[in-house]
């Protein structure tokens, strides 16, 4: 992934989140995506692993229902081989990293990660 492609992705990603436009956001993900987040475990129960685009939509729909003021501000992004890390602040000011692993142009795996001392990341995504 080159920097221009990464910048375009990040801009689209944050715009979709801040507009609460799940269709635009989910267009970046494979149908078989796997997403892992401790917030998913808090909101939905279970192990925090979301499997498939339909399940990801359901998770994020519930998150937006519970956190109607959700908003992200990108702090930085980091490009790797077939991966991208987006560092951002959520509406509560908490720092979050989203680690995204790509298959071609689409995200196949994602990880929501939070500061170790943040024992209640709900609302962060």
N, C-alpha and C. Protein backbone atom coordinates (compact mmCIF):
# COMPACT_ATOMS: atom_id res chain seq x y z
N UNK A 1 0.85 -1.18 0.00
CA UNK A 1 0.00 0.00 0.00
C UNK A 1 0.90 1.24 0.00
N UNK A 2 0.63 2.16 -0.90
CA UNK A 2 1.41 3.40 -0.93
C UNK A 2 0.70 4.47 -0.09
N UNK A 3 1.41 5.54 0.19
CA UNK A 3 0.90 6.59 1.06
C UNK A 3 -0.35 7.28 0.48
N UNK A 4 -0.38 7.47 -0.83
CA UNK A 4 -1.55 8.13 -1.44
C UNK A 4 -2.80 7.27 -1.28
N UNK A 5 -2.67 5.96 -1.49
CA UNK A 5 -3.79 5.04 -1.31
C UNK A 5 -4.23 5.02 0.15
N UNK A 6 -3.27 4.99 1.05
CA UNK A 6 -3.57 4.99 2.48
C UNK A 6 -4.30 6.27 2.87
N UNK A 7 -3.83 7.42 2.41
CA UNK A 7 -4.46 8.70 2.74
C UNK A 7 -5.90 8.73 2.25
N UNK A 8 -6.13 8.26 1.02
CA UNK A 8 -7.48 8.22 0.46
C UNK A 8 -8.38 7.32 1.30
N UNK A 9 -7.87 6.16 1.70
CA UNK A 9 -8.64 5.24 2.52
C UNK A 9 -8.99 5.89 3.86
N UNK A 10 -7.99 6.46 4.53
CA UNK A 10 -8.21 7.07 5.85
C UNK A 10 -9.24 8.19 5.76
N UNK A 11 -9.12 9.04 4.75
CA UNK A 11 -10.07 10.13 4.58
C UNK A 11 -11.49 9.61 4.39
N UNK A 12 -11.64 8.58 3.58
CA UNK A 12 -12.95 7.98 3.33
C UNK A 12 -13.49 7.31 4.60
N UNK A 13 -12.61 6.60 5.30
CA UNK A 13 -12.97 5.89 6.54
C UNK A 13 -13.50 6.86 7.58
N UNK A 14 -12.75 7.92 7.86
CA UNK A 14 -13.17 8.85 8.91
C UNK A 14 -14.41 9.63 8.49
N UNK A 15 -14.52 9.98 7.22
CA UNK A 15 -15.72 10.67 6.74
C UNK A 15 -16.96 9.80 6.91
N UNK A 16 -16.83 8.52 6.57
CA UNK A 16 -17.97 7.60 6.71
C UNK A 16 -18.36 7.44 8.18
N UNK A 17 -17.36 7.28 9.05
CA UNK A 17 -17.68 7.17 10.48
C UNK A 17 -18.37 8.42 11.00
N UNK A 18 -17.82 9.58 10.69
CA UNK A 18 -18.38 10.82 11.23
C UNK A 18 -19.75 11.14 10.65
N UNK A 19 -20.06 10.61 9.48
CA UNK A 19 -21.40 10.75 8.89
C UNK A 19 -22.34 9.63 9.35
N UNK A 20 -21.79 8.66 10.08
CA UNK A 20 -22.53 7.46 10.49
C UNK A 20 -23.12 6.74 9.28
N UNK A 21 -22.32 6.70 8.20
CA UNK A 21 -22.72 6.09 6.93
C UNK A 21 -22.12 4.68 6.84
N UNK A 22 -22.85 3.70 7.37
CA UNK A 22 -22.32 2.34 7.40
C UNK A 22 -22.16 1.73 6.02
N UNK A 23 -23.01 2.09 5.08
CA UNK A 23 -22.85 1.55 3.72
C UNK A 23 -21.51 1.98 3.13
N UNK A 24 -21.16 3.25 3.27
CA UNK A 24 -19.88 3.74 2.75
C UNK A 24 -18.72 3.08 3.49
N UNK A 25 -18.85 2.93 4.78
CA UNK A 25 -17.79 2.31 5.57
C UNK A 25 -17.60 0.84 5.21
N UNK A 26 -18.68 0.11 5.16
CA UNK A 26 -18.61 -1.33 4.89
C UNK A 26 -18.16 -1.65 3.47
N UNK A 27 -18.25 -0.68 2.56
CA UNK A 27 -17.77 -0.89 1.19
C UNK A 27 -16.27 -1.16 1.16
N UNK A 28 -15.57 -0.84 2.24
CA UNK A 28 -14.12 -1.06 2.33
C UNK A 28 -13.75 -2.47 2.81
N UNK A 29 -14.73 -3.31 3.13
CA UNK A 29 -14.47 -4.59 3.78
C UNK A 29 -14.93 -5.76 2.92
N UNK A 30 -14.21 -6.88 3.02
CA UNK A 30 -14.61 -8.10 2.33
C UNK A 30 -15.87 -8.67 2.98
N UNK A 31 -16.58 -9.51 2.26
CA UNK A 31 -17.77 -10.15 2.82
C UNK A 31 -17.41 -11.07 3.98
N UNK A 32 -16.21 -11.63 3.96
CA UNK A 32 -15.77 -12.58 4.98
C UNK A 32 -14.91 -11.93 6.06
N UNK A 33 -14.95 -10.61 6.20
CA UNK A 33 -14.10 -9.89 7.15
C UNK A 33 -14.23 -10.46 8.56
N UNK A 34 -13.13 -10.41 9.28
CA UNK A 34 -13.11 -10.72 10.71
C UNK A 34 -12.64 -9.48 11.43
N UNK A 35 -13.37 -9.06 12.45
CA UNK A 35 -13.02 -7.87 13.21
C UNK A 35 -13.03 -8.22 14.68
N UNK A 36 -11.96 -7.81 15.39
CA UNK A 36 -11.82 -8.13 16.81
C UNK A 36 -11.74 -6.84 17.61
N UNK A 37 -12.54 -6.76 18.67
CA UNK A 37 -12.55 -5.57 19.50
C UNK A 37 -13.09 -5.89 20.88
N UNK A 38 -12.44 -5.35 21.93
CA UNK A 38 -13.00 -5.53 23.27
C UNK A 38 -14.33 -4.81 23.43
N UNK A 39 -14.58 -3.78 22.64
CA UNK A 39 -15.87 -3.09 22.70
C UNK A 39 -16.97 -3.99 22.17
N UNK A 40 -16.67 -4.79 21.16
CA UNK A 40 -17.66 -5.76 20.65
C UNK A 40 -18.06 -6.73 21.76
N UNK A 41 -17.09 -7.18 22.52
CA UNK A 41 -17.39 -8.08 23.63
C UNK A 41 -18.29 -7.39 24.66
N UNK A 42 -18.02 -6.11 24.93
CA UNK A 42 -18.84 -5.37 25.90
C UNK A 42 -20.25 -5.13 25.39
N UNK A 43 -20.38 -4.77 24.12
CA UNK A 43 -21.70 -4.44 23.57
C UNK A 43 -22.54 -5.67 23.27
N UNK A 44 -21.88 -6.73 22.79
CA UNK A 44 -22.63 -7.89 22.29
C UNK A 44 -22.44 -9.14 23.13
N UNK A 45 -21.49 -9.12 24.06
CA UNK A 45 -21.14 -10.34 24.77
C UNK A 45 -20.23 -11.18 23.90
N UNK A 46 -19.87 -12.34 24.35
CA UNK A 46 -19.03 -13.23 23.55
C UNK A 46 -17.56 -12.85 23.64
N UNK A 47 -16.82 -13.30 22.63
CA UNK A 47 -15.36 -13.17 22.66
C UNK A 47 -14.83 -11.93 21.98
N UNK A 48 -15.71 -11.08 21.46
CA UNK A 48 -15.27 -9.86 20.80
C UNK A 48 -14.84 -10.05 19.37
N UNK A 49 -15.10 -11.23 18.79
CA UNK A 49 -14.75 -11.50 17.40
C UNK A 49 -16.02 -11.46 16.56
N UNK A 50 -16.00 -10.57 15.56
CA UNK A 50 -17.12 -10.40 14.64
C UNK A 50 -16.72 -11.06 13.33
N UNK A 51 -17.56 -11.94 12.81
CA UNK A 51 -17.24 -12.67 11.58
C UNK A 51 -18.26 -12.37 10.49
N UNK A 52 -17.79 -11.80 9.39
CA UNK A 52 -18.64 -11.51 8.25
C UNK A 52 -19.16 -10.08 8.23
N UNK A 53 -19.37 -9.58 7.04
CA UNK A 53 -19.80 -8.19 6.86
C UNK A 53 -21.18 -7.94 7.47
N UNK A 54 -22.10 -8.90 7.38
CA UNK A 54 -23.42 -8.71 7.96
C UNK A 54 -23.34 -8.58 9.48
N UNK A 55 -22.51 -9.39 10.11
CA UNK A 55 -22.32 -9.30 11.56
C UNK A 55 -21.63 -7.99 11.94
N UNK A 56 -20.70 -7.54 11.11
CA UNK A 56 -20.02 -6.27 11.36
C UNK A 56 -21.02 -5.12 11.28
N UNK A 57 -21.91 -5.16 10.30
CA UNK A 57 -22.96 -4.14 10.19
C UNK A 57 -23.83 -4.14 11.44
N UNK A 58 -24.23 -5.31 11.91
CA UNK A 58 -25.08 -5.40 13.10
C UNK A 58 -24.36 -4.82 14.32
N UNK A 59 -23.08 -5.14 14.48
CA UNK A 59 -22.29 -4.62 15.60
C UNK A 59 -22.20 -3.09 15.54
N UNK A 60 -21.83 -2.56 14.38
CA UNK A 60 -21.67 -1.12 14.27
C UNK A 60 -23.01 -0.40 14.35
N UNK A 61 -24.08 -1.01 13.88
CA UNK A 61 -25.42 -0.42 14.03
C UNK A 61 -25.77 -0.29 15.50
N UNK A 62 -25.51 -1.33 16.26
CA UNK A 62 -25.77 -1.29 17.71
C UNK A 62 -24.88 -0.26 18.39
N UNK A 63 -23.62 -0.20 17.99
CA UNK A 63 -22.71 0.80 18.56
C UNK A 63 -23.20 2.22 18.32
N UNK A 64 -23.63 2.51 17.10
CA UNK A 64 -24.13 3.85 16.79
C UNK A 64 -25.45 4.14 17.51
N UNK A 65 -26.25 3.11 17.72
CA UNK A 65 -27.50 3.30 18.48
C UNK A 65 -27.18 3.72 19.91
N UNK A 66 -26.18 3.05 20.50
CA UNK A 66 -25.82 3.33 21.89
C UNK A 66 -24.95 4.57 22.05
N UNK A 67 -24.25 4.95 20.99
CA UNK A 67 -23.33 6.10 21.06
C UNK A 67 -23.68 7.06 19.91
N UNK A 68 -24.79 7.76 20.03
CA UNK A 68 -25.24 8.60 18.92
C UNK A 68 -24.31 9.79 18.63
N UNK A 69 -23.46 10.17 19.58
CA UNK A 69 -22.54 11.28 19.35
C UNK A 69 -21.16 10.82 18.89
N UNK A 70 -21.05 9.56 18.46
CA UNK A 70 -19.76 9.01 18.02
C UNK A 70 -19.13 9.90 16.95
N UNK A 71 -17.87 10.20 17.17
CA UNK A 71 -17.10 11.03 16.23
C UNK A 71 -15.63 10.71 16.41
N UNK A 72 -14.89 10.66 15.30
CA UNK A 72 -13.47 10.36 15.34
C UNK A 72 -12.66 11.51 14.75
N UNK A 73 -11.47 11.70 15.31
CA UNK A 73 -10.50 12.65 14.78
C UNK A 73 -9.20 11.89 14.56
N UNK A 74 -8.76 11.78 13.32
CA UNK A 74 -7.55 11.03 13.01
C UNK A 74 -6.34 11.80 13.53
N UNK A 75 -5.49 11.09 14.28
CA UNK A 75 -4.24 11.64 14.80
C UNK A 75 -3.09 11.32 13.86
N UNK A 76 -3.10 10.09 13.32
CA UNK A 76 -2.05 9.67 12.40
C UNK A 76 -2.42 8.35 11.77
N UNK A 77 -1.68 8.00 10.73
CA UNK A 77 -1.87 6.69 10.10
C UNK A 77 -0.50 6.14 9.74
N UNK A 78 -0.40 4.82 9.74
CA UNK A 78 0.87 4.14 9.57
C UNK A 78 0.69 3.03 8.55
N UNK A 79 1.50 3.07 7.51
CA UNK A 79 1.37 2.15 6.39
C UNK A 79 2.35 1.00 6.56
N UNK A 80 1.86 -0.23 6.37
CA UNK A 80 2.70 -1.43 6.38
C UNK A 80 2.51 -2.19 5.08
N UNK A 81 2.97 -3.43 5.08
CA UNK A 81 2.77 -4.30 3.93
C UNK A 81 1.38 -4.91 4.07
N UNK A 82 0.49 -4.55 3.16
CA UNK A 82 -0.89 -5.03 3.18
C UNK A 82 -1.62 -4.71 4.47
N UNK A 83 -1.20 -3.65 5.15
CA UNK A 83 -1.89 -3.26 6.38
C UNK A 83 -1.78 -1.76 6.60
N UNK A 84 -2.67 -1.28 7.45
CA UNK A 84 -2.75 0.13 7.77
C UNK A 84 -3.19 0.25 9.22
N UNK A 85 -2.56 1.16 9.96
CA UNK A 85 -2.98 1.45 11.32
C UNK A 85 -3.49 2.89 11.33
N UNK A 86 -4.70 3.07 11.85
CA UNK A 86 -5.27 4.41 11.98
C UNK A 86 -5.34 4.72 13.46
N UNK A 87 -4.63 5.76 13.87
CA UNK A 87 -4.64 6.23 15.25
C UNK A 87 -5.61 7.41 15.31
N UNK A 88 -6.57 7.35 16.22
CA UNK A 88 -7.57 8.41 16.28
C UNK A 88 -8.05 8.64 17.70
N UNK A 89 -8.69 9.79 17.90
CA UNK A 89 -9.38 10.11 19.16
C UNK A 89 -10.87 9.94 18.92
N UNK A 90 -11.52 9.34 19.90
CA UNK A 90 -12.97 9.21 19.81
C UNK A 90 -13.65 10.42 20.45
N UNK A 91 -14.96 10.41 20.47
CA UNK A 91 -15.73 11.53 20.99
C UNK A 91 -15.49 11.78 22.47
N UNK A 92 -14.94 10.83 23.18
CA UNK A 92 -14.61 11.00 24.60
C UNK A 92 -13.17 11.45 24.80
N UNK A 93 -12.42 11.61 23.71
CA UNK A 93 -11.02 12.01 23.81
C UNK A 93 -10.06 10.84 23.97
N UNK A 94 -10.59 9.62 23.99
CA UNK A 94 -9.74 8.44 24.14
C UNK A 94 -8.98 8.13 22.86
N UNK A 95 -7.72 7.71 23.03
CA UNK A 95 -6.91 7.30 21.88
C UNK A 95 -7.17 5.85 21.53
N UNK A 96 -7.34 5.59 20.25
CA UNK A 96 -7.63 4.25 19.75
C UNK A 96 -6.77 4.01 18.52
N UNK A 97 -6.37 2.76 18.31
CA UNK A 97 -5.72 2.35 17.07
C UNK A 97 -6.59 1.30 16.41
N UNK A 98 -6.82 1.47 15.14
CA UNK A 98 -7.50 0.46 14.35
C UNK A 98 -6.45 -0.13 13.41
N UNK A 99 -6.27 -1.44 13.50
CA UNK A 99 -5.29 -2.15 12.68
C UNK A 99 -6.08 -2.88 11.61
N UNK A 100 -5.79 -2.58 10.35
CA UNK A 100 -6.55 -3.14 9.23
C UNK A 100 -5.61 -3.89 8.30
N UNK A 101 -5.96 -5.15 8.03
CA UNK A 101 -5.17 -6.01 7.15
C UNK A 101 -5.96 -6.19 5.86
N UNK A 102 -5.30 -5.95 4.73
CA UNK A 102 -5.97 -5.92 3.44
C UNK A 102 -5.73 -7.19 2.63
N UNK A 103 -6.73 -7.54 1.84
CA UNK A 103 -6.62 -8.49 0.72
C UNK A 103 -6.96 -7.67 -0.50
N UNK A 104 -5.96 -7.30 -1.27
CA UNK A 104 -6.20 -6.39 -2.38
C UNK A 104 -6.64 -5.05 -1.84
N UNK A 105 -7.70 -4.48 -2.41
CA UNK A 105 -8.13 -3.16 -1.97
C UNK A 105 -9.07 -3.16 -0.76
N UNK A 106 -9.46 -4.35 -0.28
CA UNK A 106 -10.45 -4.45 0.79
C UNK A 106 -9.85 -4.98 2.08
N UNK A 107 -10.44 -4.58 3.19
CA UNK A 107 -10.02 -5.03 4.52
C UNK A 107 -10.58 -6.42 4.77
N UNK A 108 -9.69 -7.36 5.10
CA UNK A 108 -10.09 -8.73 5.42
C UNK A 108 -10.09 -8.99 6.92
N UNK A 109 -9.25 -8.25 7.66
CA UNK A 109 -9.17 -8.39 9.11
C UNK A 109 -9.01 -7.01 9.73
N UNK A 110 -9.66 -6.82 10.87
CA UNK A 110 -9.52 -5.57 11.59
C UNK A 110 -9.43 -5.83 13.08
N UNK A 111 -8.73 -4.92 13.75
CA UNK A 111 -8.54 -5.00 15.20
C UNK A 111 -8.73 -3.62 15.80
N UNK A 112 -9.67 -3.47 16.72
CA UNK A 112 -9.80 -2.25 17.49
C UNK A 112 -8.94 -2.42 18.73
N UNK A 113 -8.00 -1.51 18.96
CA UNK A 113 -7.09 -1.64 20.10
C UNK A 113 -7.11 -0.37 20.94
N UNK A 114 -6.96 -0.53 22.26
CA UNK A 114 -7.14 0.56 23.21
C UNK A 114 -5.98 0.57 24.20
N UNK A 115 -5.75 1.71 24.83
CA UNK A 115 -4.71 1.81 25.84
C UNK A 115 -4.93 0.78 26.93
N UNK A 116 -3.86 0.17 27.41
CA UNK A 116 -3.96 -0.88 28.42
C UNK A 116 -4.66 -0.44 29.69
N UNK A 117 -4.49 0.83 30.10
CA UNK A 117 -5.12 1.29 31.33
C UNK A 117 -6.58 1.69 31.14
N UNK A 118 -7.05 1.69 29.90
CA UNK A 118 -8.45 2.02 29.63
C UNK A 118 -9.28 0.78 29.86
N UNK A 119 -9.89 0.69 31.05
CA UNK A 119 -10.64 -0.51 31.40
C UNK A 119 -12.07 -0.47 30.91
N UNK A 120 -12.51 0.65 30.38
CA UNK A 120 -13.88 0.74 29.88
C UNK A 120 -13.88 1.46 28.54
N UNK A 121 -13.46 0.77 27.47
CA UNK A 121 -13.38 1.43 26.17
C UNK A 121 -14.72 1.58 25.46
N UNK A 122 -15.82 1.14 26.08
CA UNK A 122 -17.12 1.25 25.40
C UNK A 122 -17.35 2.69 24.98
N UNK A 123 -17.85 2.85 23.80
CA UNK A 123 -18.04 4.18 23.26
C UNK A 123 -16.90 4.57 22.35
N UNK A 124 -15.83 3.81 22.40
CA UNK A 124 -14.67 4.11 21.57
C UNK A 124 -14.75 3.42 20.23
N UNK A 125 -15.42 2.35 20.15
CA UNK A 125 -15.69 1.52 19.00
C UNK A 125 -14.97 0.23 19.14
